[in-house]
Amino acid sequence: MLLAFALIYYWAPDLRDQEWMWITPGSLIGVMLWLFVSFGFRLYLHFFNSYSATYGSLGAVIILMLWFYLTGLTILIGGEVNSDIEDVAAKSGAPEPKEKGEKKPRHGAAATV
C-alpha cells in the first residue's frame, strides 16, 4: 500500500520535475488512516449491516462504493499532508520546495512570473 500511495503522489500532481520518494509523511499517514478506516468500516458492517435487508443484492454495491469513497478520502488527506509540509518548508526558507501553487519549470526553460 505504501508503494501504491507513493505512486499516486508521484504521478497524480501536474508537476514537470519532481523527485521520487519511496516513503513520504503523507503516504505513511494515508496508509495508517486507510487501515484504521477500513478496520472501522469492517466493524461497522459487522454490527450494523442492514444493507442487504434494505436494498437486496444492490447492498453489496453500496458497501463497495462507500469503501471506495473512504479510500479516496484517505488518499486526499495524505496528499494534503504532503502539500502542507512542502508549504511550511517553503515559508521557512528551504531552497528546494515550491511556494503554494507553484510548479517547477522544465529543464532549460525559464520560470514565468
PDB file of N, CA and C in Angstrom:
ATOM      1  N   MET A   1       0.814  -1.190   0.000  1.00  0.00           N
ATOM      2  CA  MET A   1       0.000   0.000   0.000  1.00  0.00           C
ATOM      3  C   MET A   1       0.861   1.258   0.000  1.00  0.00           C
ATOM      4  N   LEU A   2       2.011   1.203   0.693  1.00  0.00           N
ATOM      5  CA  LEU A   2       2.894   2.368   0.657  1.00  0.00           C
ATOM      6  C   LEU A   2       3.357   2.651  -0.770  1.00  0.00           C
ATOM      7  N   LEU A   3       3.639   1.608  -1.528  1.00  0.00           N
ATOM      8  CA  LEU A   3       4.041   1.797  -2.922  1.00  0.00           C
ATOM      9  C   LEU A   3       2.902   2.391  -3.737  1.00  0.00           C
ATOM     10  N   ALA A   4       1.684   1.923  -3.513  1.00  0.00           N
ATOM     11  CA  ALA A   4       0.534   2.456  -4.243  1.00  0.00           C
ATOM     12  C   ALA A   4       0.324   3.928  -3.919  1.00  0.00           C
ATOM     13  N   PHE A   5       0.403   4.298  -2.658  1.00  0.00           N
ATOM     14  CA  PHE A   5       0.239   5.696  -2.272  1.00  0.00           C
ATOM     15  C   PHE A   5       1.391   6.537  -2.831  1.00  0.00           C
ATOM     16  N   ALA A   6       2.623   6.004  -2.786  1.00  0.00           N
ATOM     17  CA  ALA A   6       3.768   6.749  -3.328  1.00  0.00           C
ATOM     18  C   ALA A   6       3.612   6.974  -4.830  1.00  0.00           C
ATOM     19  N   LEU A   7       3.111   5.987  -5.552  1.00  0.00           N
ATOM     20  CA  LEU A   7       2.889   6.154  -6.991  1.00  0.00           C
ATOM     21  C   LEU A   7       1.805   7.187  -7.268  1.00  0.00           C
ATOM     22  N   ILE A   8       0.760   7.178  -6.481  1.00  0.00           N
ATOM     23  CA  ILE A   8      -0.309   8.176  -6.655  1.00  0.00           C
ATOM     24  C   ILE A   8       0.237   9.577  -6.406  1.00  0.00           C
ATOM     25  N   TYR A   9       1.023   9.744  -5.355  1.00  0.00           N
ATOM     26  CA  TYR A   9       1.543  11.069  -5.015  1.00  0.00           C
ATOM     27  C   TYR A   9       2.648  11.509  -5.971  1.00  0.00           C
ATOM     28  N   TYR A  10       3.235  10.582  -6.723  1.00  0.00           N
ATOM     29  CA  TYR A  10       4.247  10.946  -7.715  1.00  0.00           C
ATOM     30  C   TYR A  10       3.601  11.308  -9.050  1.00  0.00           C
ATOM     31  N   TRP A  11       2.647  10.509  -9.521  1.00  0.00           N
ATOM     32  CA  TRP A  11       2.078  10.702 -10.855  1.00  0.00           C
ATOM     33  C   TRP A  11       0.854  11.609 -10.879  1.00  0.00           C
ATOM     34  N   ALA A  12       0.093  11.705  -9.832  1.00  0.00           N
ATOM     35  CA  ALA A  12      -1.159  12.460  -9.859  1.00  0.00           C
ATOM     36  C   ALA A  12      -0.977  13.971  -9.954  1.00  0.00           C
ATOM     37  N   PRO A  13      -0.035  14.599  -9.241  1.00  0.00           N
ATOM     38  CA  PRO A  13       0.086  16.056  -9.372  1.00  0.00           C
ATOM     39  C   PRO A  13       0.574  16.451 -10.768  1.00  0.00           C
ATOM     40  N   ASP A  14       0.138  17.602 -11.229  1.00  0.00           N
ATOM     41  CA  ASP A  14       0.544  18.111 -12.536  1.00  0.00           C
ATOM     42  C   ASP A  14       1.854  18.873 -12.383  1.00  0.00           C
ATOM     43  N   LEU A  15       2.938  18.121 -12.167  1.00  0.00           N
ATOM     44  CA  LEU A  15       4.257  18.716 -11.985  1.00  0.00           C
ATOM     45  C   LEU A  15       5.206  18.159 -13.036  1.00  0.00           C
ATOM     46  N   ARG A  16       6.106  19.007 -13.496  1.00  0.00           N
ATOM     47  CA  ARG A  16       7.036  18.569 -14.523  1.00  0.00           C
ATOM     48  C   ARG A  16       8.235  17.835 -13.923  1.00  0.00           C
ATOM     49  N   ASP A  17       8.861  18.433 -12.947  1.00  0.00           N
ATOM     50  CA  ASP A  17      10.047  17.843 -12.318  1.00  0.00           C
ATOM     51  C   ASP A  17       9.763  17.609 -10.848  1.00  0.00           C
ATOM     52  N   GLN A  18       9.875  16.374 -10.454  1.00  0.00           N
ATOM     53  CA  GLN A  18       9.748  16.077  -9.039  1.00  0.00           C
ATOM     54  C   GLN A  18      10.603  14.863  -8.729  1.00  0.00           C
ATOM     55  N   GLU A  19      10.973  14.748  -7.504  1.00  0.00           N
ATOM     56  CA  GLU A  19      11.834  13.649  -7.085  1.00  0.00           C
ATOM     57  C   GLU A  19      10.990  12.476  -6.623  1.00  0.00           C
ATOM     58  N   TRP A  20      11.464  11.268  -6.919  1.00  0.00           N
ATOM     59  CA  TRP A  20      10.794  10.071  -6.447  1.00  0.00           C
ATOM     60  C   TRP A  20      11.203   9.833  -5.000  1.00  0.00           C
ATOM     61  N   MET A  21      10.209   9.633  -4.164  1.00  0.00           N
ATOM     62  CA  MET A  21      10.458   9.301  -2.769  1.00  0.00           C
ATOM     63  C   MET A  21       9.620   8.073  -2.437  1.00  0.00           C
ATOM     64  N   TRP A  22      10.249   7.050  -1.907  1.00  0.00           N
ATOM     65  CA  TRP A  22       9.531   5.817  -1.583  1.00  0.00           C
ATOM     66  C   TRP A  22       8.519   6.051  -0.477  1.00  0.00           C
ATOM     67  N   ILE A  23       8.952   6.764   0.537  1.00  0.00           N
ATOM     68  CA  ILE A  23       8.080   6.988   1.688  1.00  0.00           C
ATOM     69  C   ILE A  23       8.038   8.480   1.980  1.00  0.00           C
ATOM     70  N   THR A  24       6.832   9.018   2.050  1.00  0.00           N
ATOM     71  CA  THR A  24       6.639  10.415   2.431  1.00  0.00           C
ATOM     72  C   THR A  24       5.764  10.440   3.682  1.00  0.00           C
ATOM     73  N   PRO A  25       5.779  11.536   4.416  1.00  0.00           N
ATOM     74  CA  PRO A  25       4.898  11.609   5.594  1.00  0.00           C
ATOM     75  C   PRO A  25       3.429  11.439   5.225  1.00  0.00           C
ATOM     76  N   GLY A  26       3.032  11.999   4.101  1.00  0.00           N
ATOM     77  CA  GLY A  26       1.641  11.868   3.666  1.00  0.00           C
ATOM     78  C   GLY A  26       1.263  10.437   3.329  1.00  0.00           C
ATOM     79  N   SER A  27       2.194   9.691   2.717  1.00  0.00           N
ATOM     80  CA  SER A  27       1.879   8.299   2.398  1.00  0.00           C
ATOM     81  C   SER A  27       1.799   7.452   3.663  1.00  0.00           C
ATOM     82  N   LEU A  28       2.659   7.734   4.641  1.00  0.00           N
ATOM     83  CA  LEU A  28       2.576   6.998   5.908  1.00  0.00           C
ATOM     84  C   LEU A  28       1.264   7.292   6.625  1.00  0.00           C
ATOM     85  N   ILE A  29       0.916   8.565   6.712  1.00  0.00           N
ATOM     86  CA  ILE A  29      -0.338   8.926   7.377  1.00  0.00           C
ATOM     87  C   ILE A  29      -1.532   8.403   6.596  1.00  0.00           C
ATOM     88  N   GLY A  30      -1.460   8.491   5.260  1.00  0.00           N
ATOM     89  CA  GLY A  30      -2.552   7.993   4.428  1.00  0.00           C
ATOM     90  C   GLY A  30      -2.780   6.502   4.579  1.00  0.00           C
ATOM     91  N   VAL A  31      -1.704   5.729   4.595  1.00  0.00           N
ATOM     92  CA  VAL A  31      -1.836   4.272   4.746  1.00  0.00           C
ATOM     93  C   VAL A  31      -2.337   3.916   6.140  1.00  0.00           C
ATOM     94  N   MET A  32      -1.816   4.582   7.160  1.00  0.00           N
ATOM     95  CA  MET A  32      -2.298   4.299   8.520  1.00  0.00           C
ATOM     96  C   MET A  32      -3.771   4.678   8.659  1.00  0.00           C
ATOM     97  N   LEU A  33      -4.140   5.815   8.104  1.00  0.00           N
ATOM     98  CA  LEU A  33      -5.537   6.241   8.146  1.00  0.00           C
ATOM     99  C   LEU A  33      -6.421   5.290   7.341  1.00  0.00           C
ATOM    100  N   TRP A  34      -5.934   4.820   6.197  1.00  0.00           N
ATOM    101  CA  TRP A  34      -6.678   3.867   5.371  1.00  0.00           C
ATOM    102  C   TRP A  34      -6.915   2.559   6.127  1.00  0.00           C
ATOM    103  N   LEU A  35      -5.871   2.071   6.810  1.00  0.00           N
ATOM    104  CA  LEU A  35      -6.031   0.849   7.610  1.00  0.00           C
ATOM    105  C   LEU A  35      -7.047   1.057   8.728  1.00  0.00           C
ATOM    106  N   PHE A  36      -6.964   2.184   9.413  1.00  0.00           N
ATOM    107  CA  PHE A  36      -7.893   2.489  10.501  1.00  0.00           C
ATOM    108  C   PHE A  36      -9.326   2.598   9.984  1.00  0.00           C
ATOM    109  N   VAL A  37      -9.518   3.303   8.868  1.00  0.00           N
ATOM    110  CA  VAL A  37     -10.853   3.482   8.297  1.00  0.00           C
ATOM    111  C   VAL A  37     -11.399   2.139   7.800  1.00  0.00           C
ATOM    112  N   SER A  38     -10.568   1.343   7.158  1.00  0.00           N
ATOM    113  CA  SER A  38     -11.031   0.045   6.662  1.00  0.00           C
ATOM    114  C   SER A  38     -11.434  -0.881   7.809  1.00  0.00           C
ATOM    115  N   PHE A  39     -10.621  -0.888   8.873  1.00  0.00           N
ATOM    116  CA  PHE A  39     -10.951  -1.715  10.025  1.00  0.00           C
ATOM    117  C   PHE A  39     -12.225  -1.213  10.705  1.00  0.00           C
ATOM    118  N   GLY A  40     -12.344   0.101  10.862  1.00  0.00           N
ATOM    119  CA  GLY A  40     -13.549   0.670  11.465  1.00  0.00           C
ATOM    120  C   GLY A  40     -14.790   0.407  10.626  1.00  0.00           C
ATOM    121  N   PHE A  41     -14.660   0.487   9.300  1.00  0.00           N
ATOM    122  CA  PHE A  41     -15.787   0.202   8.413  1.00  0.00           C
ATOM    123  C   PHE A  41     -16.184  -1.263   8.499  1.00  0.00           C
ATOM    124  N   ARG A  42     -15.175  -2.127   8.642  1.00  0.00           N
ATOM    125  CA  ARG A  42     -15.472  -3.560   8.807  1.00  0.00           C
ATOM    126  C   ARG A  42     -16.236  -3.813  10.105  1.00  0.00           C
ATOM    127  N   LEU A  43     -15.832  -3.160  11.195  1.00  0.00           N
ATOM    128  CA  LEU A  43     -16.558  -3.295  12.457  1.00  0.00           C
ATOM    129  C   LEU A  43     -17.982  -2.764  12.337  1.00  0.00           C
ATOM    130  N   TYR A  44     -18.131  -1.634  11.670  1.00  0.00           N
ATOM    131  CA  TYR A  44     -19.468  -1.066  11.457  1.00  0.00           C
ATOM    132  C   TYR A  44     -20.351  -2.056  10.699  1.00  0.00           C
ATOM    133  N   LEU A  45     -19.820  -2.643   9.643  1.00  0.00           N
ATOM    134  CA  LEU A  45     -20.618  -3.590   8.860  1.00  0.00           C
ATOM    135  C   LEU A  45     -20.926  -4.865   9.641  1.00  0.00           C
ATOM    136  N   HIS A  46     -20.015  -5.257  10.526  1.00  0.00           N
ATOM    137  CA  HIS A  46     -20.239  -6.465  11.323  1.00  0.00           C
ATOM    138  C   HIS A  46     -21.423  -6.283  12.272  1.00  0.00           C
ATOM    139  N   PHE A  47     -21.536  -5.111  12.872  1.00  0.00           N
ATOM    140  CA  PHE A  47     -22.570  -4.901  13.875  1.00  0.00           C
ATOM    141  C   PHE A  47     -23.839  -4.235  13.333  1.00  0.00           C
ATOM    142  N   PHE A  48     -23.723  -3.433  12.272  1.00  0.00           N
ATOM    143  CA  PHE A  48     -24.878  -2.663  11.794  1.00  0.00           C
ATOM    144  C   PHE A  48     -25.194  -2.897  10.325  1.00  0.00           C
ATOM    145  N   ASN A  49     -24.899  -4.054   9.794  1.00  0.00           N
ATOM    146  CA  ASN A  49     -25.104  -4.320   8.379  1.00  0.00           C
ATOM    147  C   ASN A  49     -26.571  -4.664   8.111  1.00  0.00           C
ATOM    148  N   SER A  50     -27.318  -3.698   7.633  1.00  0.00           N
ATOM    149  CA  SER A  50     -28.692  -3.959   7.226  1.00  0.00           C
ATOM    150  C   SER A  50     -28.898  -3.596   5.758  1.00  0.00           C
ATOM    151  N   TYR A  51     -27.789  -3.404   5.035  1.00  0.00           N
ATOM    152  CA  TYR A  51     -27.891  -3.020   3.630  1.00  0.00           C
ATOM    153  C   TYR A  51     -28.549  -4.115   2.797  1.00  0.00           C
ATOM    154  N   SER A  52     -28.218  -5.367   3.072  1.00  0.00           N
ATOM    155  CA  SER A  52     -28.799  -6.463   2.291  1.00  0.00           C
ATOM    156  C   SER A  52     -30.297  -6.574   2.533  1.00  0.00           C
ATOM    157  N   ALA A  53     -30.712  -6.362   3.770  1.00  0.00           N
ATOM    158  CA  ALA A  53     -32.149  -6.447   4.065  1.00  0.00           C
ATOM    159  C   ALA A  53     -32.904  -5.288   3.432  1.00  0.00           C
ATOM    160  N   THR A  54     -32.270  -4.132   3.384  1.00  0.00           N
ATOM    161  CA  THR A  54     -32.949  -2.948   2.849  1.00  0.00           C
ATOM    162  C   THR A  54     -32.893  -2.885   1.327  1.00  0.00           C
ATOM    163  N   TYR A  55     -31.714  -3.123   0.753  1.00  0.00           N
ATOM    164  CA  TYR A  55     -31.523  -2.917  -0.672  1.00  0.00           C
ATOM    165  C   TYR A  55     -31.369  -4.209  -1.475  1.00  0.00           C
ATOM    166  N   GLY A  56     -31.359  -5.334  -0.828  1.00  0.00           N
ATOM    167  CA  GLY A  56     -31.196  -6.608  -1.536  1.00  0.00           C
ATOM    168  C   GLY A  56     -29.772  -6.773  -2.032  1.00  0.00           C
ATOM    169  N   SER A  57     -29.634  -7.290  -3.240  1.00  0.00           N
ATOM    170  CA  SER A  57     -28.298  -7.538  -3.781  1.00  0.00           C
ATOM    171  C   SER A  57     -27.568  -6.241  -4.124  1.00  0.00           C
ATOM    172  N   LEU A  58     -28.269  -5.145  -4.243  1.00  0.00           N
ATOM    173  CA  LEU A  58     -27.643  -3.856  -4.503  1.00  0.00           C
ATOM    174  C   LEU A  58     -26.882  -3.349  -3.274  1.00  0.00           C
ATOM    175  N   GLY A  59     -27.131  -3.926  -2.106  1.00  0.00           N
ATOM    176  CA  GLY A  59     -26.442  -3.530  -0.879  1.00  0.00           C
ATOM    177  C   GLY A  59     -24.940  -3.728  -0.966  1.00  0.00           C
ATOM    178  N   ALA A  60     -24.500  -4.788  -1.653  1.00  0.00           N
ATOM    179  CA  ALA A  60     -23.060  -5.028  -1.803  1.00  0.00           C
ATOM    180  C   ALA A  60     -22.407  -3.926  -2.633  1.00  0.00           C
ATOM    181  N   VAL A  61     -23.090  -3.436  -3.638  1.00  0.00           N
ATOM    182  CA  VAL A  61     -22.559  -2.353  -4.460  1.00  0.00           C
ATOM    183  C   VAL A  61     -22.473  -1.069  -3.642  1.00  0.00           C
ATOM    184  N   ILE A  62     -23.472  -0.826  -2.813  1.00  0.00           N
ATOM    185  CA  ILE A  62     -23.462   0.367  -1.958  1.00  0.00           C
ATOM    186  C   ILE A  62     -22.299   0.300  -0.973  1.00  0.00           C
ATOM    187  N   ILE A  63     -22.079  -0.851  -0.383  1.00  0.00           N
ATOM    188  CA  ILE A  63     -20.972  -1.028   0.563  1.00  0.00           C
ATOM    189  C   ILE A  63     -19.636  -0.815  -0.136  1.00  0.00           C
ATOM    190  N   LEU A  64     -19.475  -1.390  -1.335  1.00  0.00           N
ATOM    191  CA  LEU A  64     -18.225  -1.239  -2.078  1.00  0.00           C
ATOM    192  C   LEU A  64     -17.980   0.223  -2.448  1.00  0.00           C
ATOM    193  N   MET A  65     -19.009   0.914  -2.904  1.00  0.00           N
ATOM    194  CA  MET A  65     -18.836   2.318  -3.283  1.00  0.00           C
ATOM    195  C   MET A  65     -18.530   3.195  -2.068  1.00  0.00           C
ATOM    196  N   LEU A  66     -19.114   2.888  -0.942  1.00  0.00           N
ATOM    197  CA  LEU A  66     -18.807   3.626   0.275  1.00  0.00           C
ATOM    198  C   LEU A  66     -17.369   3.393   0.699  1.00  0.00           C
ATOM    199  N   TRP A  67     -16.871   2.165   0.554  1.00  0.00           N
ATOM    200  CA  TRP A  67     -15.469   1.874   0.878  1.00  0.00           C
ATOM    201  C   TRP A  67     -14.541   2.594  -0.101  1.00  0.00           C
ATOM    202  N   PHE A  68     -14.889   2.647  -1.393  1.00  0.00           N
ATOM    203  CA  PHE A  68     -14.096   3.399  -2.363  1.00  0.00           C
ATOM    204  C   PHE A  68     -14.045   4.884  -1.989  1.00  0.00           C
ATOM    205  N   TYR A  69     -15.171   5.417  -1.554  1.00  0.00           N
ATOM    206  CA  TYR A  69     -15.228   6.823  -1.145  1.00  0.00           C
ATOM    207  C   TYR A  69     -14.288   7.076   0.039  1.00  0.00           C
ATOM    208  N   LEU A  70     -14.327   6.210   1.041  1.00  0.00           N
ATOM    209  CA  LEU A  70     -13.458   6.374   2.210  1.00  0.00           C
ATOM    210  C   LEU A  70     -11.986   6.215   1.829  1.00  0.00           C
ATOM    211  N   THR A  71     -11.695   5.302   0.908  1.00  0.00           N
ATOM    212  CA  THR A  71     -10.322   5.124   0.441  1.00  0.00           C
ATOM    213  C   THR A  71      -9.838   6.374  -0.287  1.00  0.00           C
ATOM    214  N   GLY A  72     -10.668   6.942  -1.143  1.00  0.00           N
ATOM    215  CA  GLY A  72     -10.302   8.176  -1.833  1.00  0.00           C
ATOM    216  C   GLY A  72     -10.084   9.325  -0.875  1.00  0.00           C
ATOM    217  N   LEU A  73     -10.871   9.375   0.167  1.00  0.00           N
ATOM    218  CA  LEU A  73     -10.719  10.422   1.175  1.00  0.00           C
ATOM    219  C   LEU A  73      -9.373  10.306   1.891  1.00  0.00           C
ATOM    220  N   THR A  74      -8.947   9.086   2.202  1.00  0.00           N
ATOM    221  CA  THR A  74      -7.642   8.912   2.858  1.00  0.00           C
ATOM    222  C   THR A  74      -6.504   9.295   1.916  1.00  0.00           C
ATOM    223  N   ILE A  75      -6.644   9.018   0.620  1.00  0.00           N
ATOM    224  CA  ILE A  75      -5.621   9.415  -0.347  1.00  0.00           C
ATOM    225  C   ILE A  75      -5.524  10.935  -0.410  1.00  0.00           C
ATOM    226  N   LEU A  76      -6.660  11.620  -0.409  1.00  0.00           N
ATOM    227  CA  LEU A  76      -6.650  13.084  -0.442  1.00  0.00           C
ATOM    228  C   LEU A  76      -6.047  13.679   0.830  1.00  0.00           C
ATOM    229  N   ILE A  77      -6.345  13.098   1.972  1.00  0.00           N
ATOM    230  CA  ILE A  77      -5.795  13.601   3.232  1.00  0.00           C
ATOM    231  C   ILE A  77      -4.279  13.438   3.258  1.00  0.00           C
ATOM    232  N   GLY A  78      -3.774  12.303   2.799  1.00  0.00           N
ATOM    233  CA  GLY A  78      -2.323  12.094   2.729  1.00  0.00           C
ATOM    234  C   GLY A  78      -1.649  13.071   1.781  1.00  0.00           C
ATOM    235  N   GLY A  79      -2.271  13.345   0.642  1.00  0.00           N
ATOM    236  CA  GLY A  79      -1.724  14.331  -0.289  1.00  0.00           C
ATOM    237  C   GLY A  79      -1.720  15.731   0.290  1.00  0.00           C
ATOM    238  N   GLU A  80      -2.743  16.052   1.053  1.00  0.00           N
ATOM    239  CA  GLU A  80      -2.802  17.361   1.707  1.00  0.00           C
ATOM    240  C   GLU A  80      -1.711  17.492   2.769  1.00  0.00           C
ATOM    241  N   VAL A  81      -1.404  16.406   3.461  1.00  0.00           N
ATOM    242  CA  VAL A  81      -0.309  16.429   4.444  1.00  0.00           C
ATOM    243  C   VAL A  81       1.007  16.725   3.735  1.00  0.00           C
ATOM    244  N   ASN A  82       1.262  16.052   2.595  1.00  0.00           N
ATOM    245  CA  ASN A  82       2.487  16.319   1.838  1.00  0.00           C
ATOM    246  C   ASN A  82       2.538  17.767   1.359  1.00  0.00           C
ATOM    247  N   SER A  83       1.410  18.283   0.893  1.00  0.00           N
ATOM    248  CA  SER A  83       1.350  19.662   0.406  1.00  0.00           C
ATOM    249  C   SER A  83       1.615  20.656   1.531  1.00  0.00           C
ATOM    250  N   ASP A  84       1.030  20.428   2.680  1.00  0.00           N
ATOM    251  CA  ASP A  84       1.234  21.342   3.811  1.00  0.00           C
ATOM    252  C   ASP A  84       2.679  21.313   4.298  1.00  0.00           C
ATOM    253  N   ILE A  85       3.294  20.144   4.292  1.00  0.00           N
ATOM    254  CA  ILE A  85       4.695  20.050   4.716  1.00  0.00           C
ATOM    255  C   ILE A  85       5.585  20.817   3.751  1.00  0.00           C
ATOM    256  N   GLU A  86       5.330  20.691   2.450  1.00  0.00           N
ATOM    257  CA  GLU A  86       6.133  21.421   1.471  1.00  0.00           C
ATOM    258  C   GLU A  86       5.890  22.923   1.572  1.00  0.00           C
ATOM    259  N   ASP A  87       4.668  23.331   1.859  1.00  0.00           N
ATOM    260  CA  ASP A  87       4.347  24.749   2.009  1.00  0.00           C
ATOM    261  C   ASP A  87       5.061  25.341   3.223  1.00  0.00           C
ATOM    262  N   VAL A  88       5.075  24.625   4.326  1.00  0.00           N
ATOM    263  CA  VAL A  88       5.772  25.105   5.529  1.00  0.00           C
ATOM    264  C   VAL A  88       7.271  25.171   5.281  1.00  0.00           C
ATOM    265  N   ALA A  89       7.822  24.192   4.546  1.00  0.00           N
ATOM    266  CA  ALA A  89       9.247  24.210   4.237  1.00  0.00           C
ATOM    267  C   ALA A  89       9.597  25.403   3.356  1.00  0.00           C
ATOM    268  N   ALA A  90       8.723  25.748   2.396  1.00  0.00           N
ATOM    269  CA  ALA A  90       8.983  26.901   1.535  1.00  0.00           C
ATOM    270  C   ALA A  90       8.923  28.198   2.333  1.00  0.00           C
ATOM    271  N   LYS A  91       7.988  28.299   3.267  1.00  0.00           N
ATOM    272  CA  LYS A  91       7.873  29.512   4.075  1.00  0.00           C
ATOM    273  C   LYS A  91       9.033  29.666   5.054  1.00  0.00           C
ATOM    274  N   SER A  92       9.637  28.546   5.449  1.00  0.00           N
ATOM    275  CA  SER A  92      10.755  28.623   6.387  1.00  0.00           C
ATOM    276  C   SER A  92      12.073  28.923   5.684  1.00  0.00           C
ATOM    277  N   GLY A  93      12.057  29.009   4.356  1.00  0.00           N
ATOM    278  CA  GLY A  93      13.260  29.411   3.627  1.00  0.00           C
ATOM    279  C   GLY A  93      14.059  28.267   3.068  1.00  0.00           C
ATOM    280  N   ALA A  94      13.518  27.065   3.014  1.00  0.00           N
ATOM    281  CA  ALA A  94      14.235  25.944   2.417  1.00  0.00           C
ATOM    282  C   ALA A  94      14.417  26.219   0.924  1.00  0.00           C
ATOM    283  N   PRO A  95      15.590  25.918   0.353  1.00  0.00           N
ATOM    284  CA  PRO A  95      15.857  26.284  -1.036  1.00  0.00           C
ATOM    285  C   PRO A  95      15.092  25.447  -2.063  1.00  0.00           C
ATOM    286  N   GLU A  96      14.809  24.200  -1.801  1.00  0.00           N
ATOM    287  CA  GLU A  96      14.229  23.289  -2.785  1.00  0.00           C
ATOM    288  C   GLU A  96      12.709  23.362  -2.918  1.00  0.00           C
ATOM    289  N   PRO A  97      11.913  23.493  -1.861  1.00  0.00           N
ATOM    290  CA  PRO A  97      10.454  23.429  -2.005  1.00  0.00           C
ATOM    291  C   PRO A  97       9.876  24.597  -2.797  1.00  0.00           C
ATOM    292  N   LYS A  98       8.711  24.347  -3.351  1.00  0.00           N
ATOM    293  CA  LYS A  98       7.989  25.355  -4.129  1.00  0.00           C
ATOM    294  C   LYS A  98       7.023  26.095  -3.221  1.00  0.00           C
ATOM    295  N   GLU A  99       6.655  27.294  -3.645  1.00  0.00           N
ATOM    296  CA  GLU A  99       5.604  28.027  -2.947  1.00  0.00           C
ATOM    297  C   GLU A  99       4.271  27.362  -3.254  1.00  0.00           C
ATOM    298  N   LYS A 100       3.242  27.680  -2.483  1.00  0.00           N
ATOM    299  CA  LYS A 100       1.927  27.070  -2.666  1.00  0.00           C
ATOM    300  C   LYS A 100       1.388  27.397  -4.061  1.00  0.00           C
ATOM    301  N   GLY A 101       1.047  26.356  -4.838  1.00  0.00           N
ATOM    302  CA  GLY A 101       0.503  26.521  -6.180  1.00  0.00           C
ATOM    303  C   GLY A 101       1.543  26.714  -7.263  1.00  0.00           C
ATOM    304  N   GLU A 102       2.809  26.721  -6.921  1.00  0.00           N
ATOM    305  CA  GLU A 102       3.875  26.958  -7.894  1.00  0.00           C
ATOM    306  C   GLU A 102       4.353  25.632  -8.474  1.00  0.00           C
ATOM    307  N   LYS A 103       4.690  25.660  -9.769  1.00  0.00           N
ATOM    308  CA  LYS A 103       5.260  24.489 -10.432  1.00  0.00           C
ATOM    309  C   LYS A 103       6.722  24.767 -10.742  1.00  0.00           C
ATOM    310  N   LYS A 104       7.516  23.709 -10.724  1.00  0.00           N
ATOM    311  CA  LYS A 104       8.911  23.860 -11.117  1.00  0.00           C
ATOM    312  C   LYS A 104       8.981  23.942 -12.638  1.00  0.00           C
ATOM    313  N   PRO A 105       9.850  24.798 -13.194  1.00  0.00           N
ATOM    314  CA  PRO A 105       9.967  24.866 -14.653  1.00  0.00           C
ATOM    315  C   PRO A 105      10.690  23.635 -15.191  1.00  0.00           C
ATOM    316  N   ARG A 106      10.498  23.388 -16.483  1.00  0.00           N
ATOM    317  CA  ARG A 106      11.218  22.282 -17.128  1.00  0.00           C
ATOM    318  C   ARG A 106      12.689  22.608 -17.183  1.00  0.00           C
ATOM    319  N   HIS A 107      13.493  21.554 -17.412  1.00  0.00           N
ATOM    320  CA  HIS A 107      14.939  21.754 -17.533  1.00  0.00           C
ATOM    321  C   HIS A 107      15.212  22.672 -18.707  1.00  0.00           C
ATOM    322  N   GLY A 108      15.973  23.721 -18.492  1.00  0.00           N
ATOM    323  CA  GLY A 108      16.349  24.636 -19.547  1.00  0.00           C
ATOM    324  C   GLY A 108      15.314  25.702 -19.853  1.00  0.00           C
ATOM    325  N   ALA A 109      14.155  25.613 -19.282  1.00  0.00           N
ATOM    326  CA  ALA A 109      13.097  26.615 -19.534  1.00  0.00           C
ATOM    327  C   ALA A 109      13.139  27.664 -18.434  1.00  0.00           C
ATOM    328  N   ALA A 110      12.899  28.889 -18.814  1.00  0.00           N
ATOM    329  CA  ALA A 110      12.890  29.974 -17.827  1.00  0.00           C
ATOM    330  C   ALA A 110      11.568  29.980 -17.083  1.00  0.00           C
ATOM    331  N   ALA A 111      11.617  30.307 -15.826  1.00  0.00           N
ATOM    332  CA  ALA A 111      10.404  30.373 -14.999  1.00  0.00           C
ATOM    333  C   ALA A 111       9.625  31.624 -15.377  1.00  0.00           C
ATOM    334  N   THR A 112       8.321  31.468 -15.523  1.00  0.00           N
ATOM    335  CA  THR A 112       7.468  32.606 -15.832  1.00  0.00           C
ATOM    336  C   THR A 112       6.840  33.140 -14.569  1.00  0.00           C
ATOM    337  N   VAL A 113       6.636  34.427 -14.529  1.00  0.00           N
ATOM    338  CA  VAL A 113       6.027  35.043 -13.349  1.00  0.00           C
ATOM    339  C   VAL A 113       4.582  35.353 -13.613  1.00  0.00           C
TER     340      VAL A 113
END
